[in-house]
Amino acid sequence: MEYGEEEESKGRAHCEVREEEEEEYIVMLFSKESAFERGEGEVFTKDWTTYERTDAVQWIIKTGEFFGFSVQTAYLAALYLDRFFSKRTIDARQSWAIRLASLACLSLAAKMEECRVPALTEYSGEEWEFDGGAIQRMELLVLNTLEWRMGSITPFLFLDYFASKFGLRFGDKGLLLEAEELIVSAIEEMNLVDHPPSALALAAVFAAAGQPLTRSLLESRLGVCPFRSFQTDRALDCYNLMTTMTQDSCKSRQNQPLPFSSNVIGSAARNKKRRISLSLYADTCPTNNSNFH
């Protein structure tokens, strides 16, 4: 075998090994995603409105901006919050309780993802300021409610694979960067308990590339193992939302860049806060209190 042919053979072998490793990786992700969904158990009716959820997630994102947290942290915090309220009801009149739960979810997500984690006293809300003890008790309530299952799969882990599998090309700004921005924007609008990470990721890749996503395409390309558990309807729902968001953004922003970056979520200013006396919260235990049931 001549030198050129030998190098070409090595190149093909390297590509085959890489493809095999990618397939093993995606099989592992789908397996973990499916196992996590099966382990969630019973989900109760959520006693909070779309407005309350949107406000809470927007606070998570804005506070993440201030600390320079990654997009993964923002996603996990919103997911923890959705999972928490899928299992517990809340008195909607207790706005401080929703904020405290949001803060605890963000703090826990940061501990899972970030290299540098702020002290609990560094967190603050737009209206409320909580002491470290109150935040710790809420963290424990969240952990117990979620049964300490915090290692969730995120949609960002699927992006490279789906972009490669469907042959989608990078634009001037970068396909994956735009996909990440779409995911961060979308988490304000959709309950993450109802939308698997893989569905979010695939929808974001197609929406970012400006390519149509159809049921027939998904069924023809993802109809075999390990994609048998792939939720086509959820992916199409996510895609429709993201394309609508993109169209609205183009109309309102007139080509201004989205406010999120690939690795961190920018910066934001803090607003004035008022301190709440949390003596009533001192008796809170991880399984029962007057505001969470």
C-alpha atoms as a PDB file:
ATOM      1  CA  MET A   1       0.000   0.000   0.000  1.00  0.00           C
ATOM      2  CA  GLU A   2       1.429   3.416  -0.984  1.00  0.00           C
ATOM      3  CA  TYR A   3       1.738   6.283   1.468  1.00  0.00           C
ATOM      4  CA  GLY A   4      -1.284   8.218   0.139  1.00  0.00           C
ATOM      5  CA  GLU A   5      -3.520   5.175   0.218  1.00  0.00           C
ATOM      6  CA  GLU A   6      -2.354   4.318   3.727  1.00  0.00           C
ATOM      7  CA  GLU A   7      -3.166   7.796   5.010  1.00  0.00           C
ATOM      8  CA  GLU A   8      -6.595   7.684   3.360  1.00  0.00           C
ATOM      9  CA  SER A   9      -7.272   4.312   4.974  1.00  0.00           C
ATOM     10  CA  LYS A  10      -6.268   5.658   8.381  1.00  0.00           C
ATOM     11  CA  GLY A  11      -8.542   8.658   7.865  1.00  0.00           C
ATOM     12  CA  ARG A  12     -11.529   6.457   7.070  1.00  0.00           C
ATOM     13  CA  ALA A  13     -10.820   4.273  10.097  1.00  0.00           C
ATOM     14  CA  HIS A  14     -10.578   7.343  12.321  1.00  0.00           C
ATOM     15  CA  CYS A  15     -13.942   8.631  11.037  1.00  0.00           C
ATOM     16  CA  GLU A  16     -15.562   5.244  11.628  1.00  0.00           C
ATOM     17  CA  VAL A  17     -14.254   5.143  15.190  1.00  0.00           C
ATOM     18  CA  ARG A  18     -15.507   8.676  15.804  1.00  0.00           C
ATOM     19  CA  GLU A  19     -18.961   7.867  14.428  1.00  0.00           C
ATOM     20  CA  GLU A  20     -19.122   4.764  16.596  1.00  0.00           C
ATOM     21  CA  GLU A  21     -18.182   6.800  19.677  1.00  0.00           C
ATOM     22  CA  GLU A  22     -20.824   9.401  18.830  1.00  0.00           C
ATOM     23  CA  GLU A  23     -23.484   6.721  18.519  1.00  0.00           C
ATOM     24  CA  GLU A  24     -22.502   5.243  21.873  1.00  0.00           C
ATOM     25  CA  TYR A  25     -22.635   8.710  23.420  1.00  0.00           C
ATOM     26  CA  ILE A  26     -26.092   9.508  22.056  1.00  0.00           C
ATOM     27  CA  VAL A  27     -27.390   6.096  23.139  1.00  0.00           C
ATOM     28  CA  MET A  28     -26.173   6.890  26.647  1.00  0.00           C
ATOM     29  CA  LEU A  29     -27.889  10.304  26.613  1.00  0.00           C
ATOM     30  CA  PHE A  30     -31.220   8.888  25.450  1.00  0.00           C
ATOM     31  CA  SER A  31     -30.974   6.118  28.008  1.00  0.00           C
ATOM     32  CA  LYS A  32     -30.389   8.619  30.832  1.00  0.00           C
ATOM     33  CA  GLU A  33     -33.150  10.881  29.557  1.00  0.00           C
ATOM     34  CA  SER A  34     -35.667   8.014  29.469  1.00  0.00           C
ATOM     35  CA  ALA A  35     -34.578   6.694  32.854  1.00  0.00           C
ATOM     36  CA  PHE A  36     -34.917  10.142  34.392  1.00  0.00           C
ATOM     37  CA  GLU A  37     -38.453  10.576  33.032  1.00  0.00           C
ATOM     38  CA  ARG A  38     -39.506   7.155  34.339  1.00  0.00           C
ATOM     39  CA  GLY A  39     -38.098   7.996  37.761  1.00  0.00           C
ATOM     40  CA  GLU A  40     -40.112  11.180  38.185  1.00  0.00           C
ATOM     41  CA  GLY A  41     -43.134   9.277  39.458  1.00  0.00           C
ATOM     42  CA  GLU A  42     -46.503  10.950  39.894  1.00  0.00           C
ATOM     43  CA  VAL A  43     -46.833  14.534  38.733  1.00  0.00           C
ATOM     44  CA  PHE A  44     -49.562  16.643  40.296  1.00  0.00           C
ATOM     45  CA  THR A  45     -51.559  19.500  38.843  1.00  0.00           C
ATOM     46  CA  LYS A  46     -49.601  22.706  39.129  1.00  0.00           C
ATOM     47  CA  ASP A  47     -51.300  25.461  41.096  1.00  0.00           C
ATOM     48  CA  TRP A  48     -49.544  28.425  39.611  1.00  0.00           C
ATOM     49  CA  THR A  49     -50.221  30.512  36.526  1.00  0.00           C
ATOM     50  CA  THR A  50     -48.242  30.980  33.354  1.00  0.00           C
ATOM     51  CA  TYR A  51     -47.507  34.552  34.431  1.00  0.00           C
ATOM     52  CA  GLU A  52     -46.042  33.463  37.759  1.00  0.00           C
ATOM     53  CA  ARG A  53     -43.837  30.859  36.092  1.00  0.00           C
ATOM     54  CA  THR A  54     -42.619  33.262  33.409  1.00  0.00           C
ATOM     55  CA  ASP A  55     -41.776  35.874  36.028  1.00  0.00           C
ATOM     56  CA  ALA A  56     -39.862  33.304  38.101  1.00  0.00           C
ATOM     57  CA  VAL A  57     -37.843  32.006  35.144  1.00  0.00           C
ATOM     58  CA  GLN A  58     -37.059  35.504  33.938  1.00  0.00           C
ATOM     59  CA  TRP A  59     -35.707  36.261  37.403  1.00  0.00           C
ATOM     60  CA  ILE A  60     -33.550  33.129  37.233  1.00  0.00           C
ATOM     61  CA  ILE A  61     -32.118  34.176  33.872  1.00  0.00           C
ATOM     62  CA  LYS A  62     -31.503  37.782  34.909  1.00  0.00           C
ATOM     63  CA  THR A  63     -29.819  36.757  38.147  1.00  0.00           C
ATOM     64  CA  GLY A  64     -27.739  34.254  36.210  1.00  0.00           C
ATOM     65  CA  GLU A  65     -26.706  37.133  33.953  1.00  0.00           C
ATOM     66  CA  PHE A  66     -25.425  39.067  36.926  1.00  0.00           C
ATOM     67  CA  PHE A  67     -23.221  36.189  38.090  1.00  0.00           C
ATOM     68  CA  GLY A  68     -22.103  35.173  34.592  1.00  0.00           C
ATOM     69  CA  PHE A  69     -23.604  31.697  34.880  1.00  0.00           C
ATOM     70  CA  SER A  70     -23.658  29.333  31.907  1.00  0.00           C
ATOM     71  CA  VAL A  71     -26.717  28.519  29.816  1.00  0.00           C
ATOM     72  CA  GLN A  72     -26.664  25.030  31.351  1.00  0.00           C
ATOM     73  CA  THR A  73     -27.136  26.538  34.808  1.00  0.00           C
ATOM     74  CA  ALA A  74     -30.098  28.638  33.669  1.00  0.00           C
ATOM     75  CA  TYR A  75     -31.735  25.588  32.099  1.00  0.00           C
ATOM     76  CA  LEU A  76     -31.194  23.373  35.155  1.00  0.00           C
ATOM     77  CA  ALA A  77     -32.553  26.008  37.531  1.00  0.00           C
ATOM     78  CA  ALA A  78     -35.730  26.387  35.471  1.00  0.00           C
ATOM     79  CA  LEU A  79     -36.062  22.609  35.247  1.00  0.00           C
ATOM     80  CA  TYR A  80     -35.672  22.201  39.010  1.00  0.00           C
ATOM     81  CA  LEU A  81     -38.348  24.844  39.527  1.00  0.00           C
ATOM     82  CA  ASP A  82     -40.781  23.159  37.119  1.00  0.00           C
ATOM     83  CA  ARG A  83     -40.175  19.771  38.712  1.00  0.00           C
ATOM     84  CA  PHE A  84     -40.610  21.243  42.184  1.00  0.00           C
ATOM     85  CA  PHE A  85     -43.969  22.802  41.345  1.00  0.00           C
ATOM     86  CA  SER A  86     -45.114  19.690  39.521  1.00  0.00           C
ATOM     87  CA  LYS A  87     -45.032  17.931  42.884  1.00  0.00           C
ATOM     88  CA  ARG A  88     -46.043  20.729  45.260  1.00  0.00           C
ATOM     89  CA  THR A  89     -48.755  23.361  45.284  1.00  0.00           C
ATOM     90  CA  ILE A  90     -48.179  26.934  46.364  1.00  0.00           C
ATOM     91  CA  ASP A  91     -50.268  29.795  47.623  1.00  0.00           C
ATOM     92  CA  ALA A  92     -50.042  32.231  44.726  1.00  0.00           C
ATOM     93  CA  ARG A  93     -50.505  35.143  47.140  1.00  0.00           C
ATOM     94  CA  GLN A  94     -47.127  34.352  48.701  1.00  0.00           C
ATOM     95  CA  SER A  95     -44.966  35.908  45.988  1.00  0.00           C
ATOM     96  CA  TRP A  96     -41.949  35.859  48.283  1.00  0.00           C
ATOM     97  CA  ALA A  97     -42.245  32.059  48.531  1.00  0.00           C
ATOM     98  CA  ILE A  98     -42.080  31.692  44.751  1.00  0.00           C
ATOM     99  CA  ARG A  99     -39.024  33.942  44.691  1.00  0.00           C
ATOM    100  CA  LEU A 100     -37.343  31.973  47.453  1.00  0.00           C
ATOM    101  CA  ALA A 101     -37.984  28.711  45.595  1.00  0.00           C
ATOM    102  CA  SER A 102     -36.542  30.257  42.423  1.00  0.00           C
ATOM    103  CA  LEU A 103     -33.461  31.392  44.316  1.00  0.00           C
ATOM    104  CA  ALA A 104     -32.936  27.943  45.851  1.00  0.00           C
ATOM    105  CA  CYS A 105     -33.239  26.269  42.439  1.00  0.00           C
ATOM    106  CA  LEU A 106     -30.710  28.667  40.926  1.00  0.00           C
ATOM    107  CA  SER A 107     -28.306  28.128  43.818  1.00  0.00           C
ATOM    108  CA  LEU A 108     -28.567  24.340  43.461  1.00  0.00           C
ATOM    109  CA  ALA A 109     -28.078  24.509  39.695  1.00  0.00           C
ATOM    110  CA  ALA A 110     -24.990  26.673  40.172  1.00  0.00           C
ATOM    111  CA  LYS A 111     -23.543  24.113  42.567  1.00  0.00           C
ATOM    112  CA  MET A 112     -24.044  21.459  39.879  1.00  0.00           C
ATOM    113  CA  GLU A 113     -22.540  23.422  36.976  1.00  0.00           C
ATOM    114  CA  GLU A 114     -20.374  26.354  38.002  1.00  0.00           C
ATOM    115  CA  CYS A 115     -16.728  26.423  39.052  1.00  0.00           C
ATOM    116  CA  ARG A 116     -17.261  29.446  41.255  1.00  0.00           C
ATOM    117  CA  VAL A 117     -20.448  29.412  43.334  1.00  0.00           C
ATOM    118  CA  PRO A 118     -21.589  32.632  45.053  1.00  0.00           C
ATOM    119  CA  ALA A 119     -22.246  32.620  48.769  1.00  0.00           C
ATOM    120  CA  LEU A 120     -25.930  32.364  49.565  1.00  0.00           C
ATOM    121  CA  THR A 121     -25.890  35.893  50.945  1.00  0.00           C
ATOM    122  CA  GLU A 122     -24.779  37.177  47.535  1.00  0.00           C
ATOM    123  CA  TYR A 123     -28.051  36.179  45.911  1.00  0.00           C
ATOM    124  CA  SER A 124     -30.778  38.760  45.865  1.00  0.00           C
ATOM    125  CA  GLY A 125     -34.160  39.326  44.290  1.00  0.00           C
ATOM    126  CA  GLU A 126     -35.826  42.359  42.826  1.00  0.00           C
ATOM    127  CA  GLU A 127     -38.004  42.869  45.894  1.00  0.00           C
ATOM    128  CA  TRP A 128     -36.992  40.351  48.538  1.00  0.00           C
ATOM    129  CA  GLU A 129     -33.728  39.715  50.322  1.00  0.00           C
ATOM    130  CA  PHE A 130     -33.344  36.408  52.169  1.00  0.00           C
ATOM    131  CA  ASP A 131     -30.843  35.305  54.776  1.00  0.00           C
ATOM    132  CA  GLY A 132     -28.649  32.264  54.240  1.00  0.00           C
ATOM    133  CA  GLY A 133     -30.597  30.095  56.663  1.00  0.00           C
ATOM    134  CA  ALA A 134     -33.889  30.597  54.826  1.00  0.00           C
ATOM    135  CA  ILE A 135     -32.228  29.770  51.505  1.00  0.00           C
ATOM    136  CA  GLN A 136     -30.645  26.633  52.924  1.00  0.00           C
ATOM    137  CA  ARG A 137     -33.979  25.412  54.254  1.00  0.00           C
ATOM    138  CA  MET A 138     -35.599  25.971  50.892  1.00  0.00           C
ATOM    139  CA  GLU A 139     -32.718  24.183  49.153  1.00  0.00           C
ATOM    140  CA  LEU A 140     -33.338  21.184  51.386  1.00  0.00           C
ATOM    141  CA  LEU A 141     -37.055  21.312  50.631  1.00  0.00           C
ATOM    142  CA  VAL A 142     -36.304  21.317  46.891  1.00  0.00           C
ATOM    143  CA  LEU A 143     -33.788  18.479  47.224  1.00  0.00           C
ATOM    144  CA  ASN A 144     -36.187  16.309  49.188  1.00  0.00           C
ATOM    145  CA  THR A 145     -39.071  17.060  46.841  1.00  0.00           C
ATOM    146  CA  LEU A 146     -36.938  16.096  43.824  1.00  0.00           C
ATOM    147  CA  GLU A 147     -35.645  13.081  45.754  1.00  0.00           C
ATOM    148  CA  TRP A 148     -32.085  14.358  45.340  1.00  0.00           C
ATOM    149  CA  ARG A 149     -32.203  13.558  41.612  1.00  0.00           C
ATOM    150  CA  MET A 150     -30.350  16.627  40.355  1.00  0.00           C
ATOM    151  CA  GLY A 151     -28.135  15.243  37.573  1.00  0.00           C
ATOM    152  CA  SER A 152     -30.541  15.990  34.742  1.00  0.00           C
ATOM    153  CA  ILE A 153     -29.620  15.711  31.062  1.00  0.00           C
ATOM    154  CA  THR A 154     -29.649  19.122  29.323  1.00  0.00           C
ATOM    155  CA  PRO A 155     -30.501  19.874  25.679  1.00  0.00           C
ATOM    156  CA  PHE A 156     -27.070  21.397  25.096  1.00  0.00           C
ATOM    157  CA  LEU A 157     -25.530  17.906  25.184  1.00  0.00           C
ATOM    158  CA  PHE A 158     -27.504  16.911  22.065  1.00  0.00           C
ATOM    159  CA  LEU A 159     -26.795  19.943  19.867  1.00  0.00           C
ATOM    160  CA  ASP A 160     -23.562  18.871  18.166  1.00  0.00           C
ATOM    161  CA  TYR A 161     -24.917  15.435  17.395  1.00  0.00           C
ATOM    162  CA  PHE A 162     -28.188  16.601  15.859  1.00  0.00           C
ATOM    163  CA  ALA A 163     -26.469  19.293  13.787  1.00  0.00           C
ATOM    164  CA  SER A 164     -24.093  16.669  12.399  1.00  0.00           C
ATOM    165  CA  LYS A 165     -26.736  13.971  11.881  1.00  0.00           C
ATOM    166  CA  PHE A 166     -28.993  16.201   9.812  1.00  0.00           C
ATOM    167  CA  GLY A 167     -26.151  17.872   7.907  1.00  0.00           C
ATOM    168  CA  LEU A 168     -26.995  21.375   9.064  1.00  0.00           C
ATOM    169  CA  ARG A 169     -24.368  24.036   8.410  1.00  0.00           C
ATOM    170  CA  PHE A 170     -23.057  26.846  10.571  1.00  0.00           C
ATOM    171  CA  GLY A 171     -24.058  30.389   9.721  1.00  0.00           C
ATOM    172  CA  ASP A 172     -22.002  33.532  10.202  1.00  0.00           C
ATOM    173  CA  LYS A 173     -22.939  33.634  13.869  1.00  0.00           C
ATOM    174  CA  GLY A 174     -22.680  29.919  14.408  1.00  0.00           C
ATOM    175  CA  LEU A 175     -25.528  27.441  14.373  1.00  0.00           C
ATOM    176  CA  LEU A 176     -24.893  26.072  17.847  1.00  0.00           C
ATOM    177  CA  LEU A 177     -24.647  29.553  19.376  1.00  0.00           C
ATOM    178  CA  GLU A 178     -28.032  30.478  17.910  1.00  0.00           C
ATOM    179  CA  ALA A 179     -29.500  27.157  19.035  1.00  0.00           C
ATOM    180  CA  GLU A 180     -28.312  27.782  22.607  1.00  0.00           C
ATOM    181  CA  GLU A 181     -29.863  31.259  22.571  1.00  0.00           C
ATOM    182  CA  LEU A 182     -33.172  29.854  21.352  1.00  0.00           C
ATOM    183  CA  ILE A 183     -33.225  27.277  24.134  1.00  0.00           C
ATOM    184  CA  VAL A 184     -32.580  29.899  26.814  1.00  0.00           C
ATOM    185  CA  SER A 185     -35.342  32.087  25.385  1.00  0.00           C
ATOM    186  CA  ALA A 186     -37.747  29.146  25.078  1.00  0.00           C
ATOM    187  CA  ILE A 187     -37.465  28.060  28.694  1.00  0.00           C
ATOM    188  CA  GLU A 188     -39.390  31.193  29.659  1.00  0.00           C
ATOM    189  CA  GLU A 189     -42.370  29.977  27.637  1.00  0.00           C
ATOM    190  CA  MET A 190     -42.599  26.215  28.177  1.00  0.00           C
ATOM    191  CA  ASN A 191     -42.767  23.926  31.165  1.00  0.00           C
ATOM    192  CA  LEU A 192     -39.623  21.824  30.982  1.00  0.00           C
ATOM    193  CA  VAL A 193     -41.224  18.843  32.692  1.00  0.00           C
ATOM    194  CA  ASP A 194     -43.354  18.427  29.556  1.00  0.00           C
ATOM    195  CA  HIS A 195     -40.538  18.887  27.026  1.00  0.00           C
ATOM    196  CA  PRO A 196     -37.587  16.433  27.024  1.00  0.00           C
ATOM    197  CA  PRO A 197     -34.086  17.847  26.460  1.00  0.00           C
ATOM    198  CA  SER A 198     -33.660  15.939  23.182  1.00  0.00           C
ATOM    199  CA  ALA A 199     -36.863  17.470  21.772  1.00  0.00           C
ATOM    200  CA  LEU A 200     -35.722  20.967  22.743  1.00  0.00           C
ATOM    201  CA  ALA A 201     -32.292  20.412  21.219  1.00  0.00           C
ATOM    202  CA  LEU A 202     -33.496  19.116  17.861  1.00  0.00           C
ATOM    203  CA  ALA A 203     -36.072  21.888  17.540  1.00  0.00           C
ATOM    204  CA  ALA A 204     -33.433  24.514  18.380  1.00  0.00           C
ATOM    205  CA  VAL A 205     -30.980  23.202  15.776  1.00  0.00           C
ATOM    206  CA  PHE A 206     -33.574  23.308  12.984  1.00  0.00           C
ATOM    207  CA  ALA A 207     -34.994  26.668  14.061  1.00  0.00           C
ATOM    208  CA  ALA A 208     -31.502  28.185  14.259  1.00  0.00           C
ATOM    209  CA  ALA A 209     -30.665  26.849  10.795  1.00  0.00           C
ATOM    210  CA  GLY A 210     -33.944  28.158   9.373  1.00  0.00           C
ATOM    211  CA  GLN A 211     -34.801  24.696   8.082  1.00  0.00           C
ATOM    212  CA  PRO A 212     -38.288  23.129   8.108  1.00  0.00           C
ATOM    213  CA  LEU A 213     -38.886  20.385  10.638  1.00  0.00           C
ATOM    214  CA  THR A 214     -41.632  17.928   9.717  1.00  0.00           C
ATOM    215  CA  ARG A 215     -43.119  14.792  11.202  1.00  0.00           C
ATOM    216  CA  SER A 216     -42.206  12.725   8.138  1.00  0.00           C
ATOM    217  CA  LEU A 217     -38.571  13.821   8.384  1.00  0.00           C
ATOM    218  CA  LEU A 218     -38.355  12.887  12.059  1.00  0.00           C
ATOM    219  CA  GLU A 219     -40.071   9.540  11.594  1.00  0.00           C
ATOM    220  CA  SER A 220     -37.813   8.600   8.686  1.00  0.00           C
ATOM    221  CA  ARG A 221     -34.561   9.635  10.365  1.00  0.00           C
ATOM    222  CA  LEU A 222     -35.294   8.889  14.018  1.00  0.00           C
ATOM    223  CA  GLY A 223     -37.491   5.830  13.755  1.00  0.00           C
ATOM    224  CA  VAL A 224     -34.821   3.386  14.855  1.00  0.00           C
ATOM    225  CA  CYS A 225     -32.995   2.674  18.096  1.00  0.00           C
ATOM    226  CA  PRO A 226     -31.872   4.664  20.077  1.00  0.00           C
ATOM    227  CA  PHE A 227     -34.516   7.155  18.942  1.00  0.00           C
ATOM    228  CA  ARG A 228     -37.604   5.030  19.533  1.00  0.00           C
ATOM    229  CA  SER A 229     -38.312   6.960  22.704  1.00  0.00           C
ATOM    230  CA  PHE A 230     -37.944  10.316  20.926  1.00  0.00           C
ATOM    231  CA  GLN A 231     -41.051  12.460  21.454  1.00  0.00           C
ATOM    232  CA  THR A 232     -41.846  13.781  17.993  1.00  0.00           C
ATOM    233  CA  ASP A 233     -44.880  15.810  19.033  1.00  0.00           C
ATOM    234  CA  ARG A 234     -42.903  17.632  21.705  1.00  0.00           C
ATOM    235  CA  ALA A 235     -40.114  18.422  19.250  1.00  0.00           C
ATOM    236  CA  LEU A 236     -42.616  19.883  16.784  1.00  0.00           C
ATOM    237  CA  ASP A 237     -44.218  21.943  19.563  1.00  0.00           C
ATOM    238  CA  CYS A 238     -40.811  23.326  20.525  1.00  0.00           C
ATOM    239  CA  TYR A 239     -39.938  24.020  16.897  1.00  0.00           C
ATOM    240  CA  ASN A 240     -43.174  25.934  16.277  1.00  0.00           C
ATOM    241  CA  LEU A 241     -42.595  28.040  19.378  1.00  0.00           C
ATOM    242  CA  MET A 242     -38.981  28.787  18.448  1.00  0.00           C
ATOM    243  CA  THR A 243     -39.778  29.762  14.855  1.00  0.00           C
ATOM    244  CA  THR A 244     -42.500  32.092  16.135  1.00  0.00           C
ATOM    245  CA  MET A 245     -40.046  33.580  18.618  1.00  0.00           C
ATOM    246  CA  THR A 246     -37.486  34.055  15.854  1.00  0.00           C
ATOM    247  CA  GLN A 247     -39.994  35.814  13.614  1.00  0.00           C
ATOM    248  CA  ASP A 248     -41.154  38.073  16.436  1.00  0.00           C
ATOM    249  CA  SER A 249     -37.551  38.827  17.365  1.00  0.00           C
ATOM    250  CA  CYS A 250     -36.686  39.821  13.814  1.00  0.00           C
ATOM    251  CA  LYS A 251     -39.621  42.218  13.719  1.00  0.00           C
ATOM    252  CA  SER A 252     -38.983  43.836  17.106  1.00  0.00           C
ATOM    253  CA  ARG A 253     -35.207  43.822  17.347  1.00  0.00           C
ATOM    254  CA  GLN A 254     -34.363  44.611  13.718  1.00  0.00           C
ATOM    255  CA  ASN A 255     -31.233  42.489  13.601  1.00  0.00           C
ATOM    256  CA  GLN A 256     -30.026  43.394  17.090  1.00  0.00           C
ATOM    257  CA  PRO A 257     -28.161  40.479  18.752  1.00  0.00           C
ATOM    258  CA  LEU A 258     -29.963  38.296  21.279  1.00  0.00           C
ATOM    259  CA  PRO A 259     -28.993  39.120  24.883  1.00  0.00           C
ATOM    260  CA  PHE A 260     -27.512  35.695  25.636  1.00  0.00           C
ATOM    261  CA  SER A 261     -24.060  34.357  24.919  1.00  0.00           C
ATOM    262  CA  SER A 262     -22.897  30.806  24.278  1.00  0.00           C
ATOM    263  CA  ASN A 263     -21.032  30.130  27.506  1.00  0.00           C
ATOM    264  CA  VAL A 264     -22.405  32.736  29.872  1.00  0.00           C
ATOM    265  CA  ILE A 265     -25.528  34.817  30.165  1.00  0.00           C
ATOM    266  CA  GLY A 266     -24.344  38.469  30.035  1.00  0.00           C
ATOM    267  CA  SER A 267     -24.703  40.955  32.879  1.00  0.00           C
ATOM    268  CA  ALA A 268     -27.631  42.675  34.561  1.00  0.00           C
ATOM    269  CA  ALA A 269     -28.129  45.370  37.129  1.00  0.00           C
ATOM    270  CA  ARG A 270     -29.645  44.712  40.508  1.00  0.00           C
ATOM    271  CA  ASN A 271     -32.826  46.525  41.517  1.00  0.00           C
ATOM    272  CA  LYS A 272     -33.827  47.851  44.914  1.00  0.00           C
ATOM    273  CA  LYS A 273     -34.759  45.204  47.443  1.00  0.00           C
ATOM    274  CA  ARG A 274     -36.772  45.065  50.601  1.00  0.00           C
ATOM    275  CA  ARG A 275     -36.020  42.686  53.429  1.00  0.00           C
ATOM    276  CA  ILE A 276     -38.707  40.335  54.666  1.00  0.00           C
ATOM    277  CA  SER A 277     -38.810  38.969  58.158  1.00  0.00           C
ATOM    278  CA  LEU A 278     -38.572  35.207  57.825  1.00  0.00           C
ATOM    279  CA  SER A 279     -39.287  34.296  61.421  1.00  0.00           C
ATOM    280  CA  LEU A 280     -42.442  32.554  60.214  1.00  0.00           C
ATOM    281  CA  TYR A 281     -40.251  30.479  57.903  1.00  0.00           C
ATOM    282  CA  ALA A 282     -38.014  29.267  60.697  1.00  0.00           C
ATOM    283  CA  ASP A 283     -40.384  26.410  61.430  1.00  0.00           C
ATOM    284  CA  THR A 284     -40.329  25.184  57.839  1.00  0.00           C
ATOM    285  CA  CYS A 285     -39.385  21.554  57.436  1.00  0.00           C
ATOM    286  CA  PRO A 286     -38.464  19.723  54.195  1.00  0.00           C
ATOM    287  CA  THR A 287     -41.807  17.953  53.963  1.00  0.00           C
ATOM    288  CA  ASN A 288     -44.456  20.393  55.083  1.00  0.00           C
ATOM    289  CA  ASN A 289     -45.151  24.077  55.684  1.00  0.00           C
ATOM    290  CA  SER A 290     -47.995  26.554  55.430  1.00  0.00           C
ATOM    291  CA  ASN A 291     -47.142  27.682  51.902  1.00  0.00           C
ATOM    292  CA  PHE A 292     -45.896  24.507  50.193  1.00  0.00           C
ATOM    293  CA  HIS A 293     -47.900  21.308  50.286  1.00  0.00           C
END
